[in-house]
């Protein structure tokens, strides 16, 4: 797929030069990826009038003519003005940024990019498991101080890992954990046979799982049912030598209870990629806790993300233009 498009100046729109006919697609993306999506649409769907923006305020009245929107999130005010909007393709797995908006109407088709994030999130999980286990942040601090300080590294080999959320991402994490010789405990509301999972539990069994595992990885999406699923009781059931890794959604974890557990060393540490408030406020305790690794919600990103998203969006756009509205990939219903 060619992504060779000249970058826009500032927040100016990128325009399709094919004319003003056919469906109108708006790409709203504050990263340089919007150029790649723009190029891919123009190459495969020249009949689509496509415009790309980095900021909502640059869209202006064009939102009122849009039939299709490709984005991660949108403000309720802008969505309210999208009177002709028929379909929103979200470039992430989660869609709560859209469905929680007061102006979202169920007659607007909504599709996600669920299923593409297994490689990058599972690699991030292993990176963080190793970094926590080997206390790698301290190595970086020591290098900055030119301090030669050695300690024996802990192994992932023969350790126990729990994974909350056994979808595509959870299964990929489980496979990689097995490659390190770990025992895998999977937790999900849907129980299924997965070769890389040694033990499977329902979320109601969390208090049984936590005392068994050395690492607990969260990749479950945010819903009303998963909010604060990892609460004070669940954290209290963890071993003092265990680690928590959250690559799912910040609201799954009770942050106040987690901060307390970390400060009082009820658990050994945590690696966190998602938070209740993002960006994480500069005065937040997570920044300064030495047993915490903070990453800025990047686990799902990759250097070929445009291609990954377009594998779904491109096919969905083809079907949508043919009138196959109920056959869209990852169509959110209900």
Protein backbone atom coordinates (compact mmCIF):
# COMPACT_ATOMS: atom_id res chain seq x y z
CA UNK A 1 0.00 0.00 0.00
CA UNK A 2 1.40 3.38 -0.96
CA UNK A 3 1.34 6.07 1.69
CA UNK A 4 3.39 8.66 -0.19
CA UNK A 5 1.44 11.85 0.43
CA UNK A 6 2.91 15.29 1.05
CA UNK A 7 2.27 16.28 4.66
CA UNK A 8 -0.18 19.12 5.24
CA UNK A 9 0.91 22.46 6.60
CA UNK A 10 -0.34 22.76 10.17
CA UNK A 11 -3.88 21.47 10.59
CA UNK A 12 -4.97 22.16 7.00
CA UNK A 13 -7.17 19.57 5.32
CA UNK A 14 -5.87 17.04 2.83
CA UNK A 15 -8.24 16.95 -0.13
CA UNK A 16 -9.13 14.37 -2.72
CA UNK A 17 -8.60 15.92 -6.13
CA UNK A 18 -10.94 13.45 -7.84
CA UNK A 19 -13.90 15.83 -7.65
CA UNK A 20 -16.95 16.24 -5.52
CA UNK A 21 -18.93 13.16 -6.50
CA UNK A 22 -19.90 10.07 -4.54
CA UNK A 23 -19.79 9.47 -0.81
CA UNK A 24 -18.10 12.03 1.44
CA UNK A 25 -15.55 10.67 3.88
CA UNK A 26 -13.87 12.70 6.62
CA UNK A 27 -10.72 11.42 8.29
CA UNK A 28 -10.13 12.96 11.72
CA UNK A 29 -6.73 11.95 13.08
CA UNK A 30 -4.20 14.01 15.01
CA UNK A 31 -1.29 11.77 13.91
CA UNK A 32 0.58 11.59 10.61
CA UNK A 33 -1.31 8.36 9.93
CA UNK A 34 -4.09 10.42 8.36
CA UNK A 35 -1.86 10.87 5.31
CA UNK A 36 -1.61 7.11 4.90
CA UNK A 37 -5.37 6.61 5.19
CA UNK A 38 -5.89 9.41 2.67
CA UNK A 39 -3.50 7.84 0.16
CA UNK A 40 -5.04 4.40 0.56
CA UNK A 41 -8.60 5.65 0.03
CA UNK A 42 -7.61 7.66 -3.05
CA UNK A 43 -5.81 4.66 -4.54
CA UNK A 44 -8.63 2.15 -4.06
CA UNK A 45 -11.74 4.33 -4.04
CA UNK A 46 -11.31 7.30 -6.38
CA UNK A 47 -15.08 7.79 -6.45
CA UNK A 48 -15.08 8.74 -2.76
CA UNK A 49 -14.67 12.41 -1.86
CA UNK A 50 -12.23 12.26 1.04
CA UNK A 51 -10.85 15.01 3.26
CA UNK A 52 -8.48 14.61 6.20
CA UNK A 53 -8.05 16.84 9.25
CA UNK A 54 -5.83 16.83 12.29
CA UNK A 55 -8.11 19.04 14.41
CA UNK A 56 -11.87 19.26 14.81
CA UNK A 57 -11.93 23.03 14.50
CA UNK A 58 -10.55 22.81 10.95
CA UNK A 59 -13.48 20.70 9.70
CA UNK A 60 -15.97 23.55 9.93
CA UNK A 61 -19.24 23.09 8.07
CA UNK A 62 -17.93 20.11 6.10
CA UNK A 63 -19.04 17.82 8.93
CA UNK A 64 -22.63 18.54 7.96
CA UNK A 65 -22.07 16.91 4.55
CA UNK A 66 -20.11 13.87 5.73
CA UNK A 67 -21.50 10.38 5.06
CA UNK A 68 -18.57 8.48 6.60
CA UNK A 69 -16.14 9.26 9.42
CA UNK A 70 -12.83 7.52 10.16
CA UNK A 71 -11.49 8.52 13.56
CA UNK A 72 -10.50 7.43 17.05
CA UNK A 73 -12.80 9.83 18.86
CA UNK A 74 -14.99 12.85 18.22
CA UNK A 75 -16.55 15.49 20.44
CA UNK A 76 -20.26 15.39 21.07
CA UNK A 77 -20.61 18.88 19.63
CA UNK A 78 -19.11 17.87 16.29
CA UNK A 79 -21.11 14.64 16.14
CA UNK A 80 -24.31 16.60 16.79
CA UNK A 81 -23.68 18.60 13.63
CA UNK A 82 -23.08 15.52 11.46
CA UNK A 83 -26.67 15.35 10.24
CA UNK A 84 -25.95 13.16 7.20
CA UNK A 85 -23.52 10.77 8.88
CA UNK A 86 -24.28 7.13 8.08
CA UNK A 87 -21.21 5.28 9.34
CA UNK A 88 -18.31 5.74 11.77
CA UNK A 89 -15.21 3.53 11.48
CA UNK A 90 -13.19 3.70 14.69
CA UNK A 91 -9.49 2.94 14.28
CA UNK A 92 -9.21 1.34 17.72
CA UNK A 93 -10.74 -1.73 19.35
CA UNK A 94 -12.79 0.19 21.90
CA UNK A 95 -15.81 2.23 20.85
CA UNK A 96 -16.80 3.75 24.20
CA UNK A 97 -15.48 7.15 23.05
CA UNK A 98 -18.36 7.11 20.52
CA UNK A 99 -21.21 5.15 22.10
CA UNK A 100 -21.03 7.15 25.34
CA UNK A 101 -21.68 10.43 23.51
CA UNK A 102 -25.21 11.83 24.02
CA UNK A 103 -25.52 12.63 20.31
CA UNK A 104 -24.63 9.15 19.09
CA UNK A 105 -27.67 7.55 17.43
CA UNK A 106 -27.91 3.82 16.91
CA UNK A 107 -28.99 4.30 13.30
CA UNK A 108 -25.41 5.41 12.61
CA UNK A 109 -23.40 2.31 11.73
CA UNK A 110 -20.39 1.85 14.00
CA UNK A 111 -17.44 -0.46 13.32
CA UNK A 112 -14.20 -1.01 15.21
CA UNK A 113 -10.68 -2.17 14.39
CA UNK A 114 -10.94 -5.09 16.79
CA UNK A 115 -8.63 -7.95 15.93
CA UNK A 116 -5.59 -6.06 14.61
CA UNK A 117 -3.80 -5.32 17.89
CA UNK A 118 -2.58 -8.78 18.87
CA UNK A 119 1.03 -8.43 17.64
CA UNK A 120 1.85 -5.04 19.12
CA UNK A 121 0.02 -5.33 22.45
CA UNK A 122 1.41 -8.81 23.11
CA UNK A 123 4.94 -7.58 22.37
CA UNK A 124 4.38 -4.67 24.74
CA UNK A 125 3.18 -7.08 27.41
CA UNK A 126 6.38 -9.12 27.16
CA UNK A 127 8.51 -5.95 27.14
CA UNK A 128 6.88 -4.77 30.37
CA UNK A 129 6.99 -8.20 32.02
CA UNK A 130 10.73 -8.36 31.38
CA UNK A 131 11.32 -4.75 32.39
CA UNK A 132 9.53 -5.22 35.70
CA UNK A 133 11.13 -8.58 36.34
CA UNK A 134 14.67 -7.36 35.68
CA UNK A 135 14.11 -3.91 37.24
CA UNK A 136 15.20 -2.43 33.94
CA UNK A 137 14.20 1.17 34.79
CA UNK A 138 16.84 1.13 37.54
CA UNK A 139 19.44 0.05 34.99
CA UNK A 140 18.56 3.12 32.92
CA UNK A 141 18.78 5.37 35.98
CA UNK A 142 22.13 3.84 36.89
CA UNK A 143 23.46 4.43 33.39
CA UNK A 144 22.54 8.10 33.66
CA UNK A 145 24.46 8.24 36.98
CA UNK A 146 27.32 6.07 35.64
CA UNK A 147 26.68 3.71 38.56
CA UNK A 148 27.91 0.10 38.23
CA UNK A 149 25.29 -1.73 40.32
CA UNK A 150 24.58 -5.41 39.72
CA UNK A 151 21.84 -7.77 40.90
CA UNK A 152 20.55 -11.21 39.87
CA UNK A 153 17.72 -11.07 37.38
CA UNK A 154 14.40 -12.78 37.97
CA UNK A 155 13.17 -15.21 35.34
CA UNK A 156 9.82 -15.43 33.60
CA UNK A 157 10.59 -19.11 33.15
CA UNK A 158 8.33 -21.32 35.29
CA UNK A 159 6.39 -18.33 36.63
CA UNK A 160 2.59 -17.98 36.71
CA UNK A 161 0.81 -15.30 34.65
CA UNK A 162 -2.86 -14.32 34.69
CA UNK A 163 -4.46 -12.64 31.68
CA UNK A 164 -7.77 -10.81 32.04
CA UNK A 165 -9.45 -10.75 28.62
CA UNK A 166 -8.89 -13.76 26.38
CA UNK A 167 -9.78 -12.29 23.00
CA UNK A 168 -7.32 -11.92 20.12
CA UNK A 169 -4.87 -9.89 22.22
CA UNK A 170 -5.09 -12.13 25.28
CA UNK A 171 -4.48 -15.21 23.17
CA UNK A 172 -1.40 -13.64 21.56
CA UNK A 173 -0.02 -12.74 24.99
CA UNK A 174 -0.64 -16.29 26.18
CA UNK A 175 1.29 -17.73 23.22
CA UNK A 176 4.30 -15.53 23.91
CA UNK A 177 4.19 -16.32 27.64
CA UNK A 178 4.22 -20.04 26.87
CA UNK A 179 7.33 -19.47 24.74
CA UNK A 180 9.01 -18.25 27.94
CA UNK A 181 7.95 -21.42 29.77
CA UNK A 182 5.24 -19.77 31.85
CA UNK A 183 2.01 -21.24 33.21
CA UNK A 184 -0.95 -19.26 31.86
CA UNK A 185 -4.20 -18.57 33.72
CA UNK A 186 -6.82 -17.07 31.39
CA UNK A 187 -9.78 -15.07 32.71
CA UNK A 188 -12.76 -14.25 30.51
CA UNK A 189 -16.53 -14.31 30.58
CA UNK A 190 -16.46 -16.51 27.47
CA UNK A 191 -14.73 -19.80 28.19
CA UNK A 192 -13.10 -21.54 25.22
CA UNK A 193 -10.34 -24.01 24.50
CA UNK A 194 -7.03 -22.22 23.89
CA UNK A 195 -3.90 -24.37 23.58
CA UNK A 196 -1.67 -21.76 25.23
CA UNK A 197 -3.91 -21.41 28.32
CA UNK A 198 -3.35 -23.92 31.11
CA UNK A 199 -6.25 -22.87 33.35
CA UNK A 200 -9.39 -20.92 32.47
CA UNK A 201 -11.52 -18.91 34.90
CA UNK A 202 -14.62 -16.77 34.93
CA UNK A 203 -14.14 -13.16 36.14
CA UNK A 204 -16.13 -14.08 39.23
CA UNK A 205 -13.16 -16.28 40.20
CA UNK A 206 -10.61 -13.44 40.35
CA UNK A 207 -10.06 -13.85 44.08
CA UNK A 208 -8.99 -17.44 43.39
CA UNK A 209 -6.66 -16.47 40.56
CA UNK A 210 -4.76 -13.57 42.13
CA UNK A 211 -2.94 -15.49 44.91
CA UNK A 212 -1.62 -17.95 42.30
CA UNK A 213 -0.03 -15.61 39.76
CA UNK A 214 3.25 -13.72 39.70
CA UNK A 215 2.03 -11.33 36.99
CA UNK A 216 -1.46 -10.19 36.10
CA UNK A 217 -2.02 -8.66 32.66
CA UNK A 218 -5.20 -6.68 31.92
CA UNK A 219 -6.37 -6.45 28.30
CA UNK A 220 -10.11 -6.49 28.87
CA UNK A 221 -12.11 -3.62 27.28
CA UNK A 222 -13.93 -1.02 29.35
CA UNK A 223 -17.63 -1.58 29.93
CA UNK A 224 -19.95 -0.86 32.81
CA UNK A 225 -19.32 -4.44 33.94
CA UNK A 226 -15.51 -4.11 33.91
CA UNK A 227 -15.29 -0.72 35.63
CA UNK A 228 -13.27 -1.15 38.85
CA UNK A 229 -13.14 -4.90 38.24
CA UNK A 230 -9.64 -4.75 39.75
CA UNK A 231 -10.64 -3.25 43.06
CA UNK A 232 -9.14 -3.15 46.55
CA UNK A 233 -10.28 -6.71 47.37
CA UNK A 234 -8.77 -8.13 44.20
CA UNK A 235 -5.50 -6.24 44.67
CA UNK A 236 -5.31 -7.41 48.28
CA UNK A 237 -5.45 -11.01 47.07
CA UNK A 238 -2.24 -10.57 45.02
CA UNK A 239 1.10 -11.81 46.32
CA UNK A 240 3.50 -9.12 47.63
CA UNK A 241 6.01 -10.30 44.99
CA UNK A 242 3.56 -10.00 42.07
CA UNK A 243 3.19 -7.36 39.36
CA UNK A 244 0.17 -5.76 37.67
CA UNK A 245 0.27 -4.77 33.97
CA UNK A 246 -2.65 -2.76 32.54
CA UNK A 247 -2.82 -2.60 28.74
CA UNK A 248 -6.62 -2.54 28.60
CA UNK A 249 -8.46 0.50 29.92
CA UNK A 250 -7.69 2.69 32.92
CA UNK A 251 -11.17 2.50 34.36
CA UNK A 252 -10.90 -1.27 34.83
CA UNK A 253 -8.60 -0.56 37.80
CA UNK A 254 -9.42 1.30 41.01
CA UNK A 255 -6.47 3.70 40.83
CA UNK A 256 -6.69 4.83 44.46
CA UNK A 257 -6.54 1.23 45.66
CA UNK A 258 -3.64 0.51 43.31
CA UNK A 259 -1.66 3.53 44.52
CA UNK A 260 -2.19 2.38 48.10
CA UNK A 261 -1.03 -1.15 47.23
CA UNK A 262 2.09 0.18 45.51
CA UNK A 263 3.05 2.65 48.24
CA UNK A 264 2.54 0.09 50.99
CA UNK A 265 4.32 -2.56 48.86
CA UNK A 266 1.39 -4.93 49.00
CA UNK A 267 2.45 -5.78 45.44
CA UNK A 268 5.93 -5.51 43.92
CA UNK A 269 5.09 -3.08 41.13
CA UNK A 270 3.01 -2.17 38.10
CA UNK A 271 3.36 -1.23 34.45
CA UNK A 272 0.53 1.00 33.24
CA UNK A 273 -0.32 2.08 29.71
CA UNK A 274 -3.89 3.28 30.36
CA UNK A 275 -5.33 5.57 33.01
CA UNK A 276 -8.55 7.10 34.28
CA UNK A 277 -7.43 10.50 33.01
CA UNK A 278 -5.34 10.86 29.86
CA UNK A 279 -2.87 12.44 29.42
CA UNK A 280 -1.83 11.44 32.92
CA UNK A 281 -1.72 14.67 35.01
CA UNK A 282 1.82 15.79 35.86
CA UNK A 283 1.13 15.70 39.59
CA UNK A 284 -0.20 12.13 39.56
CA UNK A 285 1.55 9.72 41.99
CA UNK A 286 2.20 7.16 39.24
CA UNK A 287 4.88 9.42 37.76
CA UNK A 288 7.05 9.36 40.87
CA UNK A 289 6.54 5.84 42.23
CA UNK A 290 9.79 3.94 41.61
CA UNK A 291 8.01 0.59 41.33
CA UNK A 292 5.81 1.82 38.46
CA UNK A 293 6.47 2.00 34.72
CA UNK A 294 4.29 4.55 32.92
CA UNK A 295 3.78 4.46 29.15
CA UNK A 296 1.49 6.95 27.33
CA UNK A 297 -1.23 4.61 25.96
CA UNK A 298 0.94 3.33 23.13
CA UNK A 299 0.60 -0.46 23.44
CA UNK A 300 -1.81 -0.64 20.51
CA UNK A 301 0.28 1.53 18.18
CA UNK A 302 2.60 0.12 15.53
CA UNK A 303 4.77 1.19 12.62
CA UNK A 304 2.31 -0.40 10.17
CA UNK A 305 -0.90 0.71 11.86
CA UNK A 306 -2.35 2.27 8.70
CA UNK A 307 -2.10 -1.06 6.90
CA UNK A 308 -3.58 -2.88 9.88
CA UNK A 309 -6.57 -0.52 10.11
CA UNK A 310 -7.08 -0.42 6.36
CA UNK A 311 -7.29 -4.21 6.21
CA UNK A 312 -10.65 -3.70 7.96
CA UNK A 313 -11.67 -0.22 6.85
CA UNK A 314 -10.87 -0.83 3.19
CA UNK A 315 -13.01 -3.94 3.06
CA UNK A 316 -15.78 -2.25 5.03
CA UNK A 317 -15.71 0.72 2.65
CA UNK A 318 -15.99 -1.61 -0.34
CA UNK A 319 -19.00 -3.32 1.20
CA UNK A 320 -20.58 -0.04 2.29
CA UNK A 321 -20.37 1.42 -1.21
CA UNK A 322 -22.03 -1.73 -2.57
CA UNK A 323 -24.88 -1.32 -0.08
CA UNK A 324 -23.85 -4.26 2.12
CA UNK A 325 -24.46 -2.36 5.33
CA UNK A 326 -25.21 -5.33 7.61
CA UNK A 327 -22.13 -7.25 6.51
CA UNK A 328 -19.52 -4.81 7.79
CA UNK A 329 -16.58 -6.26 9.74
CA UNK A 330 -16.74 -5.60 13.50
CA UNK A 331 -20.18 -4.03 13.26
CA UNK A 332 -21.31 -2.92 16.73
CA UNK A 333 -24.88 -3.92 17.42
CA UNK A 334 -27.26 -3.18 20.24
